[in-house]
Protein backbone atom coordinates (compact mmCIF):
# COMPACT_ATOMS: atom_id res chain seq x y z
CA UNK A 1 75.24 1.19 43.86
CA UNK A 2 78.14 0.58 41.43
CA UNK A 3 78.22 1.22 37.78
CA UNK A 4 77.67 -2.32 36.93
CA UNK A 5 74.60 -2.60 39.09
CA UNK A 6 73.00 0.57 37.70
CA UNK A 7 73.57 -0.56 34.17
CA UNK A 8 71.84 -3.92 34.93
CA UNK A 9 68.90 -2.23 36.74
CA UNK A 10 68.44 0.10 33.61
CA UNK A 11 68.44 -2.95 31.42
CA UNK A 12 66.00 -4.82 33.71
CA UNK A 13 68.17 -7.77 34.40
CA UNK A 14 69.45 -9.15 37.71
CA UNK A 15 72.94 -10.30 36.38
CA UNK A 16 75.42 -10.45 33.48
CA UNK A 17 74.57 -14.10 33.07
CA UNK A 18 70.85 -13.33 32.66
CA UNK A 19 71.84 -10.67 30.12
CA UNK A 20 73.36 -13.36 27.87
CA UNK A 21 70.85 -16.09 28.72
CA UNK A 22 69.74 -16.44 25.07
CA UNK A 23 73.22 -17.48 24.05
CA UNK A 24 73.45 -21.46 24.47
CA UNK A 25 75.99 -22.47 27.20
CA UNK A 26 77.69 -24.71 24.69
CA UNK A 27 78.89 -21.84 22.56
CA UNK A 28 79.96 -19.42 25.43
CA UNK A 29 83.61 -18.82 25.79
CA UNK A 30 83.67 -17.40 29.21
CA UNK A 31 85.64 -14.38 30.26
CA UNK A 32 89.18 -13.34 29.07
CA UNK A 33 91.87 -14.00 31.88
CA UNK A 34 92.55 -10.30 32.45
CA UNK A 35 93.33 -8.88 35.95
CA UNK A 36 90.81 -6.35 37.33
CA UNK A 37 91.44 -2.81 37.37
CA UNK A 38 93.60 -2.58 34.15
CA UNK A 39 93.72 0.62 32.18
CA UNK A 40 92.67 0.71 28.67
CA UNK A 41 96.33 1.06 27.49
CA UNK A 42 97.25 -2.14 29.56
CA UNK A 43 94.23 -4.04 28.27
CA UNK A 44 95.18 -3.31 24.67
CA UNK A 45 98.74 -4.35 25.31
CA UNK A 46 97.87 -7.55 26.93
CA UNK A 47 95.20 -8.48 24.37
CA UNK A 48 97.64 -7.85 21.49
CA UNK A 49 100.12 -10.01 23.12
CA UNK A 50 97.46 -12.85 23.34
CA UNK A 51 96.52 -12.27 19.73
CA UNK A 52 100.23 -12.62 18.64
CA UNK A 53 99.85 -16.35 19.34
CA UNK A 54 97.39 -16.75 16.35
CA UNK A 55 98.71 -18.55 13.32
CA UNK A 56 97.94 -16.40 10.27
CA UNK A 57 98.42 -17.19 6.63
CA UNK A 58 100.22 -13.80 6.36
CA UNK A 59 102.90 -15.07 8.71
CA UNK A 60 103.08 -18.85 8.07
CA UNK A 61 102.96 -21.21 5.04
CA UNK A 62 99.21 -21.96 4.17
CA UNK A 63 98.10 -24.99 2.33
CA UNK A 64 94.37 -24.66 3.41
CA UNK A 65 91.88 -23.99 0.61
CA UNK A 66 88.59 -25.74 -0.01
CA UNK A 67 86.86 -22.62 -1.21
CA UNK A 68 88.59 -19.77 0.56
CA UNK A 69 92.11 -19.13 -0.51
CA UNK A 70 95.28 -17.05 0.61
CA UNK A 71 95.77 -14.87 -2.44
CA UNK A 72 97.54 -11.63 -3.10
CA UNK A 73 95.37 -8.58 -3.05
CA UNK A 74 96.79 -5.51 -4.91
CA UNK A 75 97.12 -2.42 -2.76
CA UNK A 76 94.88 -0.59 -5.24
CA UNK A 77 91.97 -2.91 -4.44
CA UNK A 78 92.18 -2.23 -0.75
CA UNK A 79 92.66 1.57 -1.43
CA UNK A 80 89.53 1.82 -3.47
CA UNK A 81 87.21 -0.25 -1.51
CA UNK A 82 88.30 1.64 1.72
CA UNK A 83 86.79 4.85 0.36
CA UNK A 84 83.95 6.02 2.64
CA UNK A 85 81.44 6.35 -0.14
CA UNK A 86 81.67 2.76 -0.87
CA UNK A 87 81.56 1.32 2.66
CA UNK A 88 78.02 0.72 4.22
CA UNK A 89 76.40 -2.12 5.91
CA UNK A 90 73.07 -1.04 4.22
CA UNK A 91 71.69 -2.33 1.03
CA UNK A 92 70.43 0.84 -0.76
CA UNK A 93 67.30 0.95 -2.86
CA UNK A 94 67.06 2.66 -6.24
CA UNK A 95 66.19 6.01 -4.91
CA UNK A 96 69.11 6.04 -2.46
CA UNK A 97 71.94 4.41 -4.42
CA UNK A 98 74.48 6.59 -6.32
CA UNK A 99 75.22 6.34 -10.04
CA UNK A 100 78.79 5.47 -9.21
CA UNK A 101 77.89 2.47 -7.11
CA UNK A 102 75.32 1.40 -9.77
CA UNK A 103 78.10 1.60 -12.45
CA UNK A 104 80.62 -0.29 -10.38
CA UNK A 105 78.07 -3.18 -9.92
CA UNK A 106 77.12 -3.07 -13.65
CA UNK A 107 80.85 -3.48 -14.35
CA UNK A 108 81.16 -6.44 -11.92
CA UNK A 109 78.13 -7.95 -13.69
CA UNK A 110 79.89 -7.56 -17.00
CA UNK A 111 83.16 -9.15 -15.77
CA UNK A 112 81.37 -12.16 -14.33
CA UNK A 113 79.40 -12.57 -17.52
CA UNK A 114 82.49 -12.49 -19.57
CA UNK A 115 84.18 -15.06 -17.33
CA UNK A 116 81.30 -17.54 -17.15
CA UNK A 117 79.69 -16.87 -20.59
CA UNK A 118 76.35 -16.26 -18.91
CA UNK A 119 74.05 -13.71 -20.38
CA UNK A 120 72.77 -12.40 -17.09
CA UNK A 121 74.50 -11.91 -13.75
CA UNK A 122 73.20 -10.58 -10.46
CA UNK A 123 75.06 -8.47 -7.90
CA UNK A 124 75.27 -10.46 -5.85
CA UNK A 125 74.83 -13.33 -3.20
CA UNK A 126 76.33 -13.75 0.34
CA UNK A 127 78.70 -16.52 -0.72
CA UNK A 128 78.97 -19.67 -2.85
CA UNK A 129 77.07 -21.74 -0.34
CA UNK A 130 73.83 -19.58 -0.28
CA UNK A 131 74.34 -19.14 -4.19
CA UNK A 132 73.98 -22.90 -4.61
CA UNK A 133 70.87 -22.93 -2.33
CA UNK A 134 69.38 -20.22 -4.57
CA UNK A 135 70.36 -22.16 -7.66
CA UNK A 136 68.58 -25.34 -6.51
CA UNK A 137 65.40 -23.17 -5.71
CA UNK A 138 65.70 -21.58 -9.12
CA UNK A 139 65.92 -24.91 -10.90
CA UNK A 140 62.57 -25.88 -9.17
CA UNK A 141 61.07 -22.62 -10.46
CA UNK A 142 62.30 -23.38 -13.96
CA UNK A 143 60.82 -26.87 -14.49
CA UNK A 144 58.71 -27.41 -11.40
CA UNK A 145 60.44 -30.65 -10.38
CA UNK A 146 61.59 -31.68 -6.99
CA UNK A 147 64.94 -33.58 -7.16
CA UNK A 148 68.38 -31.80 -7.14
CA UNK A 149 71.45 -33.88 -7.85
CA UNK A 150 74.73 -32.96 -6.32
CA UNK A 151 78.16 -34.58 -6.13
CA UNK A 152 79.05 -36.95 -3.26
CA UNK A 153 82.50 -35.03 -3.06
CA UNK A 154 81.21 -31.73 -1.83
CA UNK A 155 82.02 -29.58 1.20
CA UNK A 156 80.05 -30.38 4.22
CA UNK A 157 79.15 -26.71 4.88
CA UNK A 158 77.77 -26.32 1.40
CA UNK A 159 75.77 -29.51 1.68
CA UNK A 160 74.28 -28.32 4.94
CA UNK A 161 73.31 -24.93 3.55
CA UNK A 162 71.81 -26.46 0.48
CA UNK A 163 69.60 -28.83 2.59
CA UNK A 164 68.42 -25.92 4.74
CA UNK A 165 67.50 -23.92 1.55
CA UNK A 166 65.36 -26.63 -0.13
CA UNK A 167 63.69 -28.19 2.85
CA UNK A 168 60.87 -25.70 2.93
CA UNK A 169 60.36 -26.35 -0.74
CA UNK A 170 59.94 -30.04 -0.33
CA UNK A 171 62.77 -30.66 -2.64
CA UNK A 172 64.98 -33.80 -2.33
CA UNK A 173 68.82 -33.67 -2.63
CA UNK A 174 70.31 -36.78 -4.15
CA UNK A 175 74.10 -37.42 -4.31
CA UNK A 176 75.80 -39.08 -7.31
CA UNK A 177 79.22 -40.85 -6.88
CA UNK A 178 82.83 -40.20 -8.23
CA UNK A 179 85.49 -42.43 -9.53
CA UNK A 180 87.65 -43.55 -6.57
CA UNK A 181 90.72 -43.66 -8.90
CA UNK A 182 90.49 -40.34 -10.75
CA UNK A 183 88.12 -38.36 -8.58
CA UNK A 184 85.98 -37.45 -11.58
CA UNK A 185 82.26 -37.90 -11.62
CA UNK A 186 80.74 -41.28 -12.13
CA UNK A 187 78.50 -40.57 -15.18
CA UNK A 188 76.95 -44.05 -15.02
CA UNK A 189 75.87 -43.37 -11.32
CA UNK A 190 74.61 -39.91 -12.40
CA UNK A 191 72.63 -41.45 -15.25
CA UNK A 192 71.09 -44.02 -12.93
CA UNK A 193 69.67 -41.17 -10.79
CA UNK A 194 68.38 -38.99 -13.52
CA UNK A 195 64.65 -39.39 -13.81
CA UNK A 196 61.67 -37.38 -14.86
CA UNK A 197 61.48 -35.65 -11.54
CA UNK A 198 65.07 -34.08 -11.59
CA UNK A 199 65.11 -30.23 -11.75
CA UNK A 200 68.79 -29.73 -11.83
CA UNK A 201 72.26 -31.28 -11.83
CA UNK A 202 75.04 -29.44 -9.94
CA UNK A 203 78.73 -30.09 -10.97
CA UNK A 204 81.90 -28.32 -9.73
CA UNK A 205 84.86 -27.33 -11.91
CA UNK A 206 87.39 -27.88 -10.48
CA UNK A 207 85.55 -30.14 -8.07
CA UNK A 208 85.99 -30.22 -4.39
CA UNK A 209 88.87 -32.64 -4.59
CA UNK A 210 90.69 -30.25 -6.84
CA UNK A 211 90.03 -32.23 -10.10
CA UNK A 212 89.59 -30.69 -13.45
CA UNK A 213 86.65 -32.98 -14.27
CA UNK A 214 86.66 -33.80 -18.01
CA UNK A 215 83.26 -35.48 -17.68
CA UNK A 216 81.42 -32.23 -17.24
CA UNK A 217 81.41 -31.54 -20.95
CA UNK A 218 79.18 -34.61 -21.38
CA UNK A 219 76.56 -33.86 -18.75
CA UNK A 220 74.34 -31.58 -20.83
CA UNK A 221 74.62 -33.67 -23.84
CA UNK A 222 73.52 -36.88 -22.16
CA UNK A 223 71.08 -35.26 -19.85
CA UNK A 224 69.56 -32.27 -21.61
CA UNK A 225 66.25 -31.84 -19.62
CA UNK A 226 67.53 -30.88 -16.09
CA UNK A 227 69.10 -27.53 -15.68
CA UNK A 228 72.85 -27.67 -15.40
CA UNK A 229 74.32 -25.79 -12.59
CA UNK A 230 78.06 -25.30 -12.61
CA UNK A 231 80.07 -24.26 -9.49
CA UNK A 232 83.14 -22.57 -11.04
CA UNK A 233 86.41 -21.18 -9.52
CA UNK A 234 86.74 -17.79 -11.12
CA UNK A 235 90.67 -17.78 -11.16
CA UNK A 236 90.51 -21.23 -13.01
CA UNK A 237 88.50 -19.52 -15.76
CA UNK A 238 91.71 -17.84 -16.75
CA UNK A 239 92.71 -21.16 -18.47
CA UNK A 240 89.49 -23.28 -18.44
CA UNK A 241 86.43 -23.05 -20.73
CA UNK A 242 83.60 -20.86 -19.71
CA UNK A 243 80.78 -23.01 -18.31
CA UNK A 244 78.51 -21.66 -20.97
CA UNK A 245 80.60 -23.55 -23.54
CA UNK A 246 79.55 -26.83 -22.16
CA UNK A 247 75.94 -26.18 -21.58
CA UNK A 248 75.64 -24.52 -18.11
CA UNK A 249 72.23 -22.99 -17.52
CA UNK A 250 73.27 -21.36 -14.27
CA UNK A 251 76.79 -20.62 -12.94
CA UNK A 252 77.65 -19.99 -9.35
CA UNK A 253 80.92 -19.56 -7.52
CA UNK A 254 83.00 -18.11 -4.72
CA UNK A 255 84.23 -14.65 -5.51
CA UNK A 256 86.63 -14.26 -2.39
CA UNK A 257 89.57 -15.01 -4.52
CA UNK A 258 88.81 -11.81 -6.58
CA UNK A 259 90.38 -9.20 -4.33
CA UNK A 260 89.14 -10.10 -0.89
CA UNK A 261 91.43 -11.44 1.99
CA UNK A 262 90.45 -14.63 3.93
CA UNK A 263 89.34 -12.58 7.02
CA UNK A 264 88.82 -15.59 9.17
CA UNK A 265 86.15 -16.83 6.80
CA UNK A 266 84.26 -13.76 5.52
CA UNK A 267 82.70 -11.68 4.27
CA UNK A 268 82.55 -13.67 1.00
CA UNK A 269 81.03 -13.03 -2.38
CA UNK A 270 78.53 -15.28 -4.11
CA UNK A 271 78.77 -15.22 -7.98
CA UNK A 272 75.52 -16.06 -9.67
CA UNK A 273 74.66 -15.94 -13.42
CA UNK A 274 72.28 -17.59 -15.79
CA UNK A 275 70.98 -17.68 -19.50
CA UNK A 276 68.83 -14.88 -20.57
CA UNK A 277 65.70 -17.09 -20.84
CA UNK A 278 65.85 -17.73 -17.00
CA UNK A 279 66.59 -14.21 -15.90
CA UNK A 280 63.25 -13.53 -14.35
CA UNK A 281 63.60 -16.59 -12.13
CA UNK A 282 66.95 -15.50 -10.89
CA UNK A 283 67.24 -14.29 -7.29
CA UNK A 284 68.78 -10.90 -6.29
CA UNK A 285 69.07 -7.74 -8.23
CA UNK A 286 70.33 -6.88 -11.68
CA UNK A 287 71.72 -3.46 -12.61
CA UNK A 288 71.07 -2.38 -16.09
CA UNK A 289 72.31 0.44 -18.29
CA UNK A 290 69.83 2.90 -19.95
CA UNK A 291 69.55 6.73 -20.74
CA UNK A 292 68.14 9.49 -18.72
CA UNK A 293 65.77 12.18 -19.91
CA UNK A 294 68.63 14.13 -21.19
CA UNK A 295 70.09 11.23 -23.20
CA UNK A 296 72.95 10.61 -20.95
CA UNK A 297 74.26 7.12 -20.04
CA UNK A 298 72.69 6.04 -16.66
CA UNK A 299 72.35 3.04 -14.62
CA UNK A 300 69.44 1.52 -12.57
CA UNK A 301 68.26 -1.51 -10.84
CA UNK A 302 66.49 -3.34 -13.69
CA UNK A 303 65.36 -6.36 -11.83
CA UNK A 304 64.85 -6.57 -8.02
CA UNK A 305 63.38 -9.87 -6.97
CA UNK A 306 63.69 -9.86 -3.17
CA UNK A 307 60.57 -9.79 -1.14
CA UNK A 308 61.69 -6.27 0.21
CA UNK A 309 61.30 -4.97 -3.33
CA UNK A 310 58.17 -6.69 -4.81
CA UNK A 311 55.08 -8.59 -3.55
CA UNK A 312 56.13 -11.55 -1.35
CA UNK A 313 54.43 -14.10 -3.57
CA UNK A 314 56.29 -12.93 -6.55
CA UNK A 315 59.69 -12.83 -4.93
CA UNK A 316 62.30 -15.33 -5.92
CA UNK A 317 64.09 -15.20 -2.47
CA UNK A 318 63.97 -13.23 0.80
CA UNK A 319 67.40 -13.83 1.82
CA UNK A 320 69.59 -13.10 -1.21
CA UNK A 321 71.16 -9.84 0.25
CA UNK A 322 74.01 -8.73 -1.95
CA UNK A 323 77.67 -8.27 -1.00
CA UNK A 324 78.18 -4.98 -2.91
CA UNK A 325 81.52 -4.09 -1.38
CA UNK A 326 83.06 -7.34 -2.24
CA UNK A 327 81.56 -7.09 -5.76
CA UNK A 328 83.26 -3.76 -6.13
CA UNK A 329 86.48 -5.30 -4.95
CA UNK A 330 86.16 -8.20 -7.51
CA UNK A 331 85.47 -5.52 -10.21
CA UNK A 332 88.55 -3.55 -9.29
CA UNK A 333 90.70 -6.72 -8.92
CA UNK A 334 89.66 -7.93 -12.47
CA UNK A 335 90.19 -4.54 -13.95
CA UNK A 336 93.70 -4.48 -12.50
CA UNK A 337 94.68 -8.09 -13.43
CA UNK A 338 93.10 -8.00 -16.93
CA UNK A 339 92.58 -10.97 -19.32
CA UNK A 340 96.29 -11.87 -19.72
CA UNK A 341 96.98 -11.40 -16.06
CA UNK A 342 94.22 -13.68 -15.03
CA UNK A 343 95.51 -16.32 -17.44
CA UNK A 344 99.04 -16.00 -15.97
CA UNK A 345 97.67 -16.11 -12.46
CA UNK A 346 95.75 -19.38 -13.15
CA UNK A 347 98.93 -20.84 -14.72
CA UNK A 348 100.97 -19.85 -11.74
CA UNK A 349 98.35 -21.62 -9.41
CA UNK A 350 98.61 -24.80 -11.44
CA UNK A 351 102.40 -24.60 -11.49
CA UNK A 352 102.71 -24.06 -7.71
CA UNK A 353 100.24 -27.09 -7.10
CA UNK A 354 102.44 -29.29 -9.50
CA UNK A 355 105.61 -28.10 -7.68
CA UNK A 356 104.10 -28.92 -4.25
CA UNK A 357 102.87 -32.42 -5.64
CA UNK A 358 106.33 -33.26 -7.07
CA UNK A 359 108.07 -32.34 -3.86
CA UNK A 360 105.79 -34.51 -1.59
CA UNK A 361 106.02 -37.49 -4.06
CA UNK A 362 109.60 -37.95 -2.96
CA UNK A 363 108.56 -38.66 0.69
CA UNK A 364 108.35 -42.33 1.51
CA UNK A 365 105.04 -43.23 2.86
CA UNK A 366 103.11 -40.26 1.28
CA UNK A 367 100.79 -40.91 -1.67
CA UNK A 368 100.53 -37.75 -3.63
CA UNK A 369 98.20 -37.07 -5.36
CA UNK A 370 95.82 -39.74 -3.96
CA UNK A 371 93.73 -39.20 -7.10
CA UNK A 372 95.26 -39.63 -10.49
CA UNK A 373 93.79 -36.92 -12.68
CA UNK A 374 94.29 -33.28 -13.86
CA UNK A 375 94.40 -30.81 -10.97
CA UNK A 376 94.04 -27.09 -10.76
CA UNK A 377 95.53 -25.75 -7.47
CA UNK A 378 94.30 -28.40 -4.99
CA UNK A 379 95.11 -32.09 -4.64
CA UNK A 380 94.54 -34.90 -2.21
CA UNK A 381 97.28 -36.52 -0.20
CA UNK A 382 97.19 -39.79 1.70
CA UNK A 383 99.57 -40.08 4.70
CA UNK A 384 100.28 -42.93 7.24
CA UNK A 385 98.83 -40.87 10.16
CA UNK A 386 95.35 -39.58 10.49
CA UNK A 387 94.83 -36.26 8.76
CA UNK A 388 93.29 -34.59 11.85
CA UNK A 389 96.44 -35.52 13.82
CA UNK A 390 98.78 -34.39 10.96
CA UNK A 391 96.98 -31.03 10.86
CA UNK A 392 97.84 -30.37 14.56
CA UNK A 393 101.34 -31.54 14.08
CA UNK A 394 101.83 -29.13 11.16
CA UNK A 395 100.27 -26.37 13.11
CA UNK A 396 102.72 -26.87 16.03
CA UNK A 397 105.44 -26.55 13.30
CA UNK A 398 104.15 -23.07 12.16
CA UNK A 399 102.52 -24.50 9.05
CA UNK A 400 98.81 -24.21 8.14
CA UNK A 401 98.02 -27.58 6.86
CA UNK A 402 95.32 -28.75 4.39
CA UNK A 403 91.69 -29.84 5.05
CA UNK A 404 91.01 -33.32 6.56
CA UNK A 405 88.41 -34.90 4.32
CA UNK A 406 86.60 -37.31 6.80
CA UNK A 407 83.75 -34.80 7.59
CA UNK A 408 83.31 -33.84 4.00
CA UNK A 409 83.92 -37.00 1.84
CA UNK A 410 83.78 -39.94 4.33
CA UNK A 411 85.16 -42.41 1.63
CA UNK A 412 88.33 -40.47 1.57
CA UNK A 413 88.68 -40.00 5.35
CA UNK A 414 92.31 -41.02 5.18
CA UNK A 415 93.22 -38.12 3.04
CA UNK A 416 94.04 -34.39 3.32
CA UNK A 417 93.18 -31.76 0.69
CA UNK A 418 96.01 -29.45 0.09
CA UNK A 419 95.96 -26.17 -1.84
CA UNK A 420 98.69 -24.06 -3.33
CA UNK A 421 98.25 -20.49 -4.83
CA UNK A 422 100.38 -17.66 -6.22
CA UNK A 423 101.40 -16.98 -2.56
CA UNK A 424 103.03 -20.47 -2.02
CA UNK A 425 106.78 -20.13 -2.28
CA UNK A 426 109.48 -22.62 -2.76
CA UNK A 427 110.52 -22.11 0.92
CA UNK A 428 106.89 -22.86 2.00
CA UNK A 429 107.09 -26.12 0.04
CA UNK A 430 110.37 -26.94 1.62
CA UNK A 431 109.04 -26.34 5.12
CA UNK A 432 106.07 -28.62 4.39
CA UNK A 433 108.28 -31.32 2.95
CA UNK A 434 110.57 -31.20 6.02
CA UNK A 435 107.71 -31.55 8.35
CA UNK A 436 106.15 -34.41 6.62
CA UNK A 437 109.44 -36.30 6.40
CA UNK A 438 109.58 -36.20 10.19
CA UNK A 439 106.16 -37.77 10.69
CA UNK A 440 105.74 -40.02 7.59
């Protein structure tokens, strides 16, 4: 009996296929095309050769954003978060967590509170998608109403996660429109959908289409009763008003830009903060600062509202596991960048986006930007060929293009969302222009 047969017998299955029978056939990739009998060294060499065919943002111009961005991560961030005392897949409880980790998370909360203007911040959520789901649930707890209003122009993944979160609560997600010329929210349409059963209104700044929406400052003034949930880009807060300044009750966001590489889409970091009056309805855990018996400064988990910590019926969420390592990375990143550095970084993103737009405007047949408004670091482009096809054409030329919008915002299905960051060089822009001139 060979080794494979003995292993299968020990596991109590008849074949390798039976071992993976729980995995749907539709998502199985099959085996890697490797000859039998290769040594470990030969396998490693062959697989590395296969992987070299990948197109990575570190090696090619990247104009793909929509929530996850190619940004520069200082070496100090990587060095600190690589320390063994910080790396664990386990979420420690109060009795097990170190004072050092507690202080790091407390400082993370302080940074996010200063950025957003919120009085309380948790540490933390999986990502901005789940943070939105938790925010919708929290709105229902705040005012016991069942409708949650969201923009029509929103990422399909975020929309899907939100619907999954609120389904069990019996909540209804209602979409409001946007101005097809400017990309800003349609306040009249929003007003028509606000009634006595609306628990919260969700807005994004910048919005999914990259627009710095000036209408957001009017939402809380015109609709004061529902909770206002703002989805903010933390880098943009280097130049934009803090959401608290225009009435936000809850602020969420994606913290991947704060010191975490893209990593093929994760791990990410969900930012979540709220006004003090709502803190006991906020999911997750809050780290507080206190004094020990000797009068020394100490840190502790002040609020812990997961069902693992308290009685199930009192828990605000059972799936709001934190992303502590990513939160530490964000804390280190913000400490290194500082207030003036964050502002300079935000300005650089706007300048790089403007330079890319100006360059694309010179191409005949390209409408750039497709929406006439103020942009942060993303903008929509309308081209003569389908965005899905254009994305493949650019990929063949070694350029990671933008996001085709058909699946996300059907009314803009003929457009692509392009992003520029501090990593976007003049050479990158030139390569994009040259590629588009060939196909436009």
